[in-house]
PDB file of N, CA and C in Angstrom:
ATOM      1  N   UNK A   1      -3.678  16.673  -3.455  1.00  0.00           N
ATOM      2  CA  UNK A   1      -2.995  15.417  -3.188  1.00  0.00           C
ATOM      3  C   UNK A   1      -3.641  14.782  -1.957  1.00  0.00           C
ATOM      4  N   UNK A   2      -3.939  13.505  -2.052  1.00  0.00           N
ATOM      5  CA  UNK A   2      -4.493  12.773  -0.916  1.00  0.00           C
ATOM      6  C   UNK A   2      -3.528  11.659  -0.510  1.00  0.00           C
ATOM      7  N   UNK A   3      -3.449  11.452   0.797  1.00  0.00           N
ATOM      8  CA  UNK A   3      -2.555  10.432   1.345  1.00  0.00           C
ATOM      9  C   UNK A   3      -3.386   9.281   1.871  1.00  0.00           C
ATOM     10  N   UNK A   4      -2.995   8.069   1.519  1.00  0.00           N
ATOM     11  CA  UNK A   4      -3.618   6.875   2.080  1.00  0.00           C
ATOM     12  C   UNK A   4      -2.520   5.952   2.586  1.00  0.00           C
ATOM     13  N   UNK A   5      -2.887   5.138   3.551  1.00  0.00           N
ATOM     14  CA  UNK A   5      -2.016   4.075   4.038  1.00  0.00           C
ATOM     15  C   UNK A   5      -2.725   2.766   3.755  1.00  0.00           C
ATOM     16  N   UNK A   6      -1.997   1.798   3.246  1.00  0.00           N
ATOM     17  CA  UNK A   6      -2.581   0.488   2.962  1.00  0.00           C
ATOM     18  C   UNK A   6      -1.757  -0.563   3.691  1.00  0.00           C
ATOM     19  N   UNK A   7      -2.430  -1.325   4.544  1.00  0.00           N
ATOM     20  CA  UNK A   7      -1.781  -2.454   5.201  1.00  0.00           C
ATOM     21  C   UNK A   7      -1.949  -3.653   4.283  1.00  0.00           C
ATOM     22  N   UNK A   8      -0.881  -4.394   4.117  1.00  0.00           N
ATOM     23  CA  UNK A   8      -0.901  -5.546   3.207  1.00  0.00           C
ATOM     24  C   UNK A   8      -0.529  -6.811   3.964  1.00  0.00           C
ATOM     25  N   UNK A   9      -1.344  -7.838   3.789  1.00  0.00           N
ATOM     26  CA  UNK A   9      -1.036  -9.180   4.279  1.00  0.00           C
ATOM     27  C   UNK A   9      -0.501  -9.963   3.079  1.00  0.00           C
ATOM     28  N   UNK A  10       0.671 -10.543   3.241  1.00  0.00           N
ATOM     29  CA  UNK A  10       1.341 -11.241   2.139  1.00  0.00           C
ATOM     30  C   UNK A  10       1.259 -12.751   2.300  1.00  0.00           C
ATOM     31  N   UNK A  11       1.458 -13.446   1.180  1.00  0.00           N
ATOM     32  CA  UNK A  11       1.636 -14.885   1.246  1.00  0.00           C
ATOM     33  C   UNK A  11       2.898 -15.155   2.051  1.00  0.00           C
ATOM     34  N   UNK A  12       2.941 -16.311   2.701  1.00  0.00           N
ATOM     35  CA  UNK A  12       4.091 -16.645   3.538  1.00  0.00           C
ATOM     36  C   UNK A  12       5.398 -16.538   2.754  1.00  0.00           C
ATOM     37  N   UNK A  13       6.365 -15.832   3.342  1.00  0.00           N
ATOM     38  CA  UNK A  13       7.676 -15.691   2.734  1.00  0.00           C
ATOM     39  C   UNK A  13       7.774 -14.688   1.604  1.00  0.00           C
ATOM     40  N   UNK A  14       6.731 -13.899   1.364  1.00  0.00           N
ATOM     41  CA  UNK A  14       6.725 -13.003   0.209  1.00  0.00           C
ATOM     42  C   UNK A  14       6.780 -11.514   0.570  1.00  0.00           C
ATOM     43  N   UNK A  15       6.866 -11.165   1.842  1.00  0.00           N
ATOM     44  CA  UNK A  15       6.782  -9.757   2.249  1.00  0.00           C
ATOM     45  C   UNK A  15       7.868  -8.897   1.597  1.00  0.00           C
ATOM     46  N   UNK A  16       9.095  -9.376   1.585  1.00  0.00           N
ATOM     47  CA  UNK A  16      10.176  -8.573   1.004  1.00  0.00           C
ATOM     48  C   UNK A  16       9.982  -8.393  -0.500  1.00  0.00           C
ATOM     49  N   UNK A  17       9.519  -9.435  -1.168  1.00  0.00           N
ATOM     50  CA  UNK A  17       9.268  -9.341  -2.608  1.00  0.00           C
ATOM     51  C   UNK A  17       8.147  -8.355  -2.907  1.00  0.00           C
ATOM     52  N   UNK A  18       7.074  -8.412  -2.121  1.00  0.00           N
ATOM     53  CA  UNK A  18       5.948  -7.495  -2.314  1.00  0.00           C
ATOM     54  C   UNK A  18       6.397  -6.059  -2.066  1.00  0.00           C
ATOM     55  N   UNK A  19       7.154  -5.829  -1.006  1.00  0.00           N
ATOM     56  CA  UNK A  19       7.639  -4.484  -0.690  1.00  0.00           C
ATOM     57  C   UNK A  19       8.494  -3.926  -1.824  1.00  0.00           C
ATOM     58  N   UNK A  20       9.420  -4.722  -2.313  1.00  0.00           N
ATOM     59  CA  UNK A  20      10.293  -4.279  -3.404  1.00  0.00           C
ATOM     60  C   UNK A  20       9.492  -3.974  -4.657  1.00  0.00           C
ATOM     61  N   UNK A  21       8.569  -4.852  -4.997  1.00  0.00           N
ATOM     62  CA  UNK A  21       7.744  -4.660  -6.199  1.00  0.00           C
ATOM     63  C   UNK A  21       6.902  -3.388  -6.084  1.00  0.00           C
ATOM     64  N   UNK A  22       6.338  -3.130  -4.914  1.00  0.00           N
ATOM     65  CA  UNK A  22       5.518  -1.932  -4.717  1.00  0.00           C
ATOM     66  C   UNK A  22       6.341  -0.665  -4.911  1.00  0.00           C
ATOM     67  N   UNK A  23       7.513  -0.626  -4.307  1.00  0.00           N
ATOM     68  CA  UNK A  23       8.370   0.558  -4.405  1.00  0.00           C
ATOM     69  C   UNK A  23       8.853   0.776  -5.839  1.00  0.00           C
ATOM     70  N   UNK A  24       9.191  -0.300  -6.510  1.00  0.00           N
ATOM     71  CA  UNK A  24       9.784  -0.182  -7.845  1.00  0.00           C
ATOM     72  C   UNK A  24       8.772   0.016  -8.969  1.00  0.00           C
ATOM     73  N   UNK A  25       7.522  -0.425  -8.785  1.00  0.00           N
ATOM     74  CA  UNK A  25       6.594  -0.401  -9.921  1.00  0.00           C
ATOM     75  C   UNK A  25       5.360   0.487  -9.741  1.00  0.00           C
ATOM     76  N   UNK A  26       5.120   0.980  -8.541  1.00  0.00           N
ATOM     77  CA  UNK A  26       3.929   1.803  -8.307  1.00  0.00           C
ATOM     78  C   UNK A  26       4.398   3.212  -7.925  1.00  0.00           C
ATOM     79  N   UNK A  27       4.308   4.163  -8.862  1.00  0.00           N
ATOM     80  CA  UNK A  27       4.850   5.500  -8.612  1.00  0.00           C
ATOM     81  C   UNK A  27       4.202   6.231  -7.431  1.00  0.00           C
ATOM     82  N   UNK A  28       2.973   5.907  -7.107  1.00  0.00           N
ATOM     83  CA  UNK A  28       2.267   6.576  -6.010  1.00  0.00           C
ATOM     84  C   UNK A  28       2.758   6.128  -4.630  1.00  0.00           C
ATOM     85  N   UNK A  29       3.509   5.048  -4.586  1.00  0.00           N
ATOM     86  CA  UNK A  29       4.020   4.534  -3.313  1.00  0.00           C
ATOM     87  C   UNK A  29       5.192   5.399  -2.861  1.00  0.00           C
ATOM     88  N   UNK A  30       5.066   5.951  -1.665  1.00  0.00           N
ATOM     89  CA  UNK A  30       6.106   6.802  -1.090  1.00  0.00           C
ATOM     90  C   UNK A  30       7.042   6.001  -0.186  1.00  0.00           C
ATOM     91  N   UNK A  31       6.463   5.163   0.671  1.00  0.00           N
ATOM     92  CA  UNK A  31       7.235   4.384   1.638  1.00  0.00           C
ATOM     93  C   UNK A  31       6.557   3.040   1.857  1.00  0.00           C
ATOM     94  N   UNK A  32       7.357   2.039   2.185  1.00  0.00           N
ATOM     95  CA  UNK A  32       6.838   0.737   2.600  1.00  0.00           C
ATOM     96  C   UNK A  32       7.591   0.331   3.861  1.00  0.00           C
ATOM     97  N   UNK A  33       6.832   0.009   4.905  1.00  0.00           N
ATOM     98  CA  UNK A  33       7.423  -0.416   6.173  1.00  0.00           C
ATOM     99  C   UNK A  33       6.975  -1.835   6.487  1.00  0.00           C
ATOM    100  N   UNK A  34       7.884  -2.663   6.976  1.00  0.00           N
ATOM    101  CA  UNK A  34       7.476  -3.974   7.478  1.00  0.00           C
ATOM    102  C   UNK A  34       6.928  -3.755   8.885  1.00  0.00           C
ATOM    103  N   UNK A  35       5.890  -4.510   9.242  1.00  0.00           N
ATOM    104  CA  UNK A  35       5.228  -4.327  10.530  1.00  0.00           C
ATOM    105  C   UNK A  35       4.985  -5.674  11.195  1.00  0.00           C
ATOM    106  N   UNK A  36       4.753  -5.613  12.494  1.00  0.00           N
ATOM    107  CA  UNK A  36       4.340  -6.806  13.217  1.00  0.00           C
ATOM    108  C   UNK A  36       2.829  -6.771  13.348  1.00  0.00           C
ATOM    109  N   UNK A  37       2.245  -7.899  13.663  1.00  0.00           N
ATOM    110  CA  UNK A  37       0.802  -7.945  13.858  1.00  0.00           C
ATOM    111  C   UNK A  37       0.075  -8.635  12.730  1.00  0.00           C
ATOM    112  N   UNK A  38      -1.151  -8.222  12.523  1.00  0.00           N
ATOM    113  CA  UNK A  38      -2.048  -8.893  11.586  1.00  0.00           C
ATOM    114  C   UNK A  38      -1.625  -8.722  10.122  1.00  0.00           C
ATOM    115  N   UNK A  39      -0.974  -7.597   9.813  1.00  0.00           N
ATOM    116  CA  UNK A  39      -0.533  -7.322   8.443  1.00  0.00           C
ATOM    117  C   UNK A  39       0.993  -7.267   8.412  1.00  0.00           C
ATOM    118  N   UNK A  40       1.551  -7.510   7.241  1.00  0.00           N
ATOM    119  CA  UNK A  40       3.006  -7.590   7.091  1.00  0.00           C
ATOM    120  C   UNK A  40       3.652  -6.271   6.692  1.00  0.00           C
ATOM    121  N   UNK A  41       2.933  -5.463   5.908  1.00  0.00           N
ATOM    122  CA  UNK A  41       3.492  -4.228   5.370  1.00  0.00           C
ATOM    123  C   UNK A  41       2.536  -3.062   5.581  1.00  0.00           C
ATOM    124  N   UNK A  42       3.111  -1.874   5.731  1.00  0.00           N
ATOM    125  CA  UNK A  42       2.340  -0.632   5.763  1.00  0.00           C
ATOM    126  C   UNK A  42       2.875   0.234   4.630  1.00  0.00           C
ATOM    127  N   UNK A  43       1.995   0.570   3.689  1.00  0.00           N
ATOM    128  CA  UNK A  43       2.393   1.294   2.482  1.00  0.00           C
ATOM    129  C   UNK A  43       1.780   2.693   2.512  1.00  0.00           C
ATOM    130  N   UNK A  44       2.624   3.706   2.373  1.00  0.00           N
ATOM    131  CA  UNK A  44       2.156   5.092   2.313  1.00  0.00           C
ATOM    132  C   UNK A  44       2.108   5.508   0.851  1.00  0.00           C
ATOM    133  N   UNK A  45       0.947   6.014   0.432  1.00  0.00           N
ATOM    134  CA  UNK A  45       0.755   6.384  -0.967  1.00  0.00           C
ATOM    135  C   UNK A  45       0.226   7.806  -1.075  1.00  0.00           C
ATOM    136  N   UNK A  46       0.690   8.522  -2.083  1.00  0.00           N
ATOM    137  CA  UNK A  46       0.175   9.841  -2.410  1.00  0.00           C
ATOM    138  C   UNK A  46      -0.565   9.748  -3.735  1.00  0.00           C
ATOM    139  N   UNK A  47      -1.861  10.074  -3.718  1.00  0.00           N
ATOM    140  CA  UNK A  47      -2.689  10.008  -4.913  1.00  0.00           C
ATOM    141  C   UNK A  47      -3.119  11.415  -5.317  1.00  0.00           C
ATOM    142  N   UNK A  48      -3.331  11.610  -6.601  1.00  0.00           N
ATOM    143  CA  UNK A  48      -3.898  12.876  -7.073  1.00  0.00           C
ATOM    144  C   UNK A  48      -5.313  13.015  -6.510  1.00  0.00           C
ATOM    145  N   UNK A  49      -5.766  14.251  -6.333  1.00  0.00           N
ATOM    146  CA  UNK A  49      -7.087  14.489  -5.743  1.00  0.00           C
ATOM    147  C   UNK A  49      -8.214  13.801  -6.510  1.00  0.00           C
ATOM    148  N   UNK A  50      -8.081  13.695  -7.806  1.00  0.00           N
ATOM    149  CA  UNK A  50      -9.149  13.097  -8.615  1.00  0.00           C
ATOM    150  C   UNK A  50      -8.973  11.596  -8.832  1.00  0.00           C
ATOM    151  N   UNK A  51      -7.932  10.998  -8.267  1.00  0.00           N
ATOM    152  CA  UNK A  51      -7.697   9.560  -8.454  1.00  0.00           C
ATOM    153  C   UNK A  51      -8.599   8.759  -7.530  1.00  0.00           C
ATOM    154  N   UNK A  52      -9.258   7.765  -8.076  1.00  0.00           N
ATOM    155  CA  UNK A  52     -10.173   6.917  -7.317  1.00  0.00           C
ATOM    156  C   UNK A  52      -9.376   5.947  -6.449  1.00  0.00           C
ATOM    157  N   UNK A  53      -9.594   6.018  -5.147  1.00  0.00           N
ATOM    158  CA  UNK A  53      -8.841   5.183  -4.199  1.00  0.00           C
ATOM    159  C   UNK A  53      -9.132   3.709  -4.417  1.00  0.00           C
ATOM    160  N   UNK A  54     -10.390   3.368  -4.588  1.00  0.00           N
ATOM    161  CA  UNK A  54     -10.763   1.965  -4.781  1.00  0.00           C
ATOM    162  C   UNK A  54     -10.108   1.345  -5.993  1.00  0.00           C
ATOM    163  N   UNK A  55     -10.144   2.056  -7.107  1.00  0.00           N
ATOM    164  CA  UNK A  55      -9.499   1.534  -8.318  1.00  0.00           C
ATOM    165  C   UNK A  55      -7.994   1.411  -8.121  1.00  0.00           C
ATOM    166  N   UNK A  56      -7.382   2.405  -7.472  1.00  0.00           N
ATOM    167  CA  UNK A  56      -5.938   2.347  -7.233  1.00  0.00           C
ATOM    168  C   UNK A  56      -5.568   1.112  -6.418  1.00  0.00           C
ATOM    169  N   UNK A  57      -6.243   0.911  -5.301  1.00  0.00           N
ATOM    170  CA  UNK A  57      -5.919  -0.230  -4.436  1.00  0.00           C
ATOM    171  C   UNK A  57      -6.181  -1.540  -5.168  1.00  0.00           C
ATOM    172  N   UNK A  58      -7.331  -1.646  -5.826  1.00  0.00           N
ATOM    173  CA  UNK A  58      -7.686  -2.889  -6.524  1.00  0.00           C
ATOM    174  C   UNK A  58      -6.753  -3.199  -7.687  1.00  0.00           C
ATOM    175  N   UNK A  59      -6.386  -2.186  -8.454  1.00  0.00           N
ATOM    176  CA  UNK A  59      -5.647  -2.415  -9.692  1.00  0.00           C
ATOM    177  C   UNK A  59      -4.130  -2.335  -9.541  1.00  0.00           C
ATOM    178  N   UNK A  60      -3.645  -1.595  -8.545  1.00  0.00           N
ATOM    179  CA  UNK A  60      -2.200  -1.407  -8.404  1.00  0.00           C
ATOM    180  C   UNK A  60      -1.595  -2.216  -7.252  1.00  0.00           C
ATOM    181  N   UNK A  61      -2.273  -2.248  -6.108  1.00  0.00           N
ATOM    182  CA  UNK A  61      -1.680  -2.916  -4.943  1.00  0.00           C
ATOM    183  C   UNK A  61      -2.164  -4.351  -4.774  1.00  0.00           C
ATOM    184  N   UNK A  62      -3.460  -4.591  -4.890  1.00  0.00           N
ATOM    185  CA  UNK A  62      -3.970  -5.944  -4.669  1.00  0.00           C
ATOM    186  C   UNK A  62      -3.504  -6.924  -5.736  1.00  0.00           C
ATOM    187  N   UNK A  63      -3.115  -6.420  -6.895  1.00  0.00           N
ATOM    188  CA  UNK A  63      -2.660  -7.308  -7.970  1.00  0.00           C
ATOM    189  C   UNK A  63      -1.157  -7.582  -7.950  1.00  0.00           C
ATOM    190  N   UNK A  64      -0.433  -6.974  -7.000  1.00  0.00           N
ATOM    191  CA  UNK A  64       0.993  -7.293  -6.881  1.00  0.00           C
ATOM    192  C   UNK A  64       1.153  -8.769  -6.506  1.00  0.00           C
ATOM    193  N   UNK A  65       2.088  -9.471  -7.125  1.00  0.00           N
ATOM    194  CA  UNK A  65       2.292 -10.880  -6.788  1.00  0.00           C
ATOM    195  C   UNK A  65       2.634 -11.052  -5.312  1.00  0.00           C
ATOM    196  N   UNK A  66       1.942 -11.958  -4.634  1.00  0.00           N
ATOM    197  CA  UNK A  66       2.207 -12.246  -3.236  1.00  0.00           C
ATOM    198  C   UNK A  66       1.280 -11.552  -2.252  1.00  0.00           C
ATOM    199  N   UNK A  67       0.389 -10.690  -2.739  1.00  0.00           N
ATOM    200  CA  UNK A  67      -0.556  -9.996  -1.850  1.00  0.00           C
ATOM    201  C   UNK A  67      -1.760 -10.895  -1.594  1.00  0.00           C
ATOM    202  N   UNK A  68      -2.100 -11.093  -0.315  1.00  0.00           N
ATOM    203  CA  UNK A  68      -3.266 -11.896   0.060  1.00  0.00           C
ATOM    204  C   UNK A  68      -4.459 -11.033   0.450  1.00  0.00           C
ATOM    205  N   UNK A  69      -4.206  -9.892   1.132  1.00  0.00           N
ATOM    206  CA  UNK A  69      -5.293  -9.080   1.672  1.00  0.00           C
ATOM    207  C   UNK A  69      -4.783  -7.663   1.885  1.00  0.00           C
ATOM    208  N   UNK A  70      -5.702  -6.698   1.872  1.00  0.00           N
ATOM    209  CA  UNK A  70      -5.334  -5.317   2.151  1.00  0.00           C
ATOM    210  C   UNK A  70      -6.352  -4.687   3.094  1.00  0.00           C
ATOM    211  N   UNK A  71      -5.909  -3.632   3.769  1.00  0.00           N
ATOM    212  CA  UNK A  71      -6.768  -2.823   4.626  1.00  0.00           C
ATOM    213  C   UNK A  71      -6.360  -1.376   4.389  1.00  0.00           C
ATOM    214  N   UNK A  72      -7.277  -0.571   3.866  1.00  0.00           N
ATOM    215  CA  UNK A  72      -6.960   0.799   3.462  1.00  0.00           C
ATOM    216  C   UNK A  72      -7.392   1.796   4.525  1.00  0.00           C
ATOM    217  N   UNK A  73      -6.487   2.738   4.826  1.00  0.00           N
ATOM    218  CA  UNK A  73      -6.763   3.812   5.772  1.00  0.00           C
ATOM    219  C   UNK A  73      -6.702   5.118   4.997  1.00  0.00           C
ATOM    220  N   UNK A  74      -7.825   5.842   4.979  1.00  0.00           N
ATOM    221  CA  UNK A  74      -7.896   7.133   4.306  1.00  0.00           C
ATOM    222  C   UNK A  74      -7.612   8.210   5.339  1.00  0.00           C
ATOM    223  N   UNK A  75      -6.726   9.144   5.000  1.00  0.00           N
ATOM    224  CA  UNK A  75      -6.346  10.185   5.953  1.00  0.00           C
ATOM    225  C   UNK A  75      -7.045  11.505   5.610  1.00  0.00           C
ATOM    226  N   UNK A  76      -7.152  12.373   6.613  1.00  0.00           N
ATOM    227  CA  UNK A  76      -7.793  13.674   6.427  1.00  0.00           C
ATOM    228  C   UNK A  76      -6.814  14.836   6.520  1.00  0.00           C
ATOM    229  N   UNK A  77      -5.992  14.849   7.544  1.00  0.00           N
ATOM    230  CA  UNK A  77      -5.083  15.968   7.770  1.00  0.00           C
ATOM    231  C   UNK A  77      -3.785  15.459   8.388  1.00  0.00           C
ATOM    232  N   UNK A  78      -2.685  16.002   7.901  1.00  0.00           N
ATOM    233  CA  UNK A  78      -1.380  15.671   8.464  1.00  0.00           C
ATOM    234  C   UNK A  78      -0.972  16.781   9.437  1.00  0.00           C
ATOM    235  N   UNK A  79      -0.485  16.406  10.591  1.00  0.00           N
ATOM    236  CA  UNK A  79      -0.018  17.360  11.585  1.00  0.00           C
ATOM    237  C   UNK A  79       1.487  17.264  11.689  1.00  0.00           C
ATOM    238  N   UNK A  80       2.144  18.415  11.803  1.00  0.00           N
ATOM    239  CA  UNK A  80       3.604  18.379  11.935  1.00  0.00           C
ATOM    240  C   UNK A  80       4.066  19.361  12.988  1.00  0.00           C
TER     241      UNK A  80
END
């Protein structure tokens, strides 16, 4: 299992709609947080080891209605 975080910039007034759509329609999405700054949302996703990150982001997240831009962060190790 691989974990990625994707920051999403939304069209004006669409952040809540994008967040709801991501949680309800993309099974790999674990959490969505609203954020301040350059991006509106931070999305935590769990992907299978063999799942292509680029295809996932392009086909599942960037195509959600209201998404303008994304920035993907690939993680290596979780510390607890």
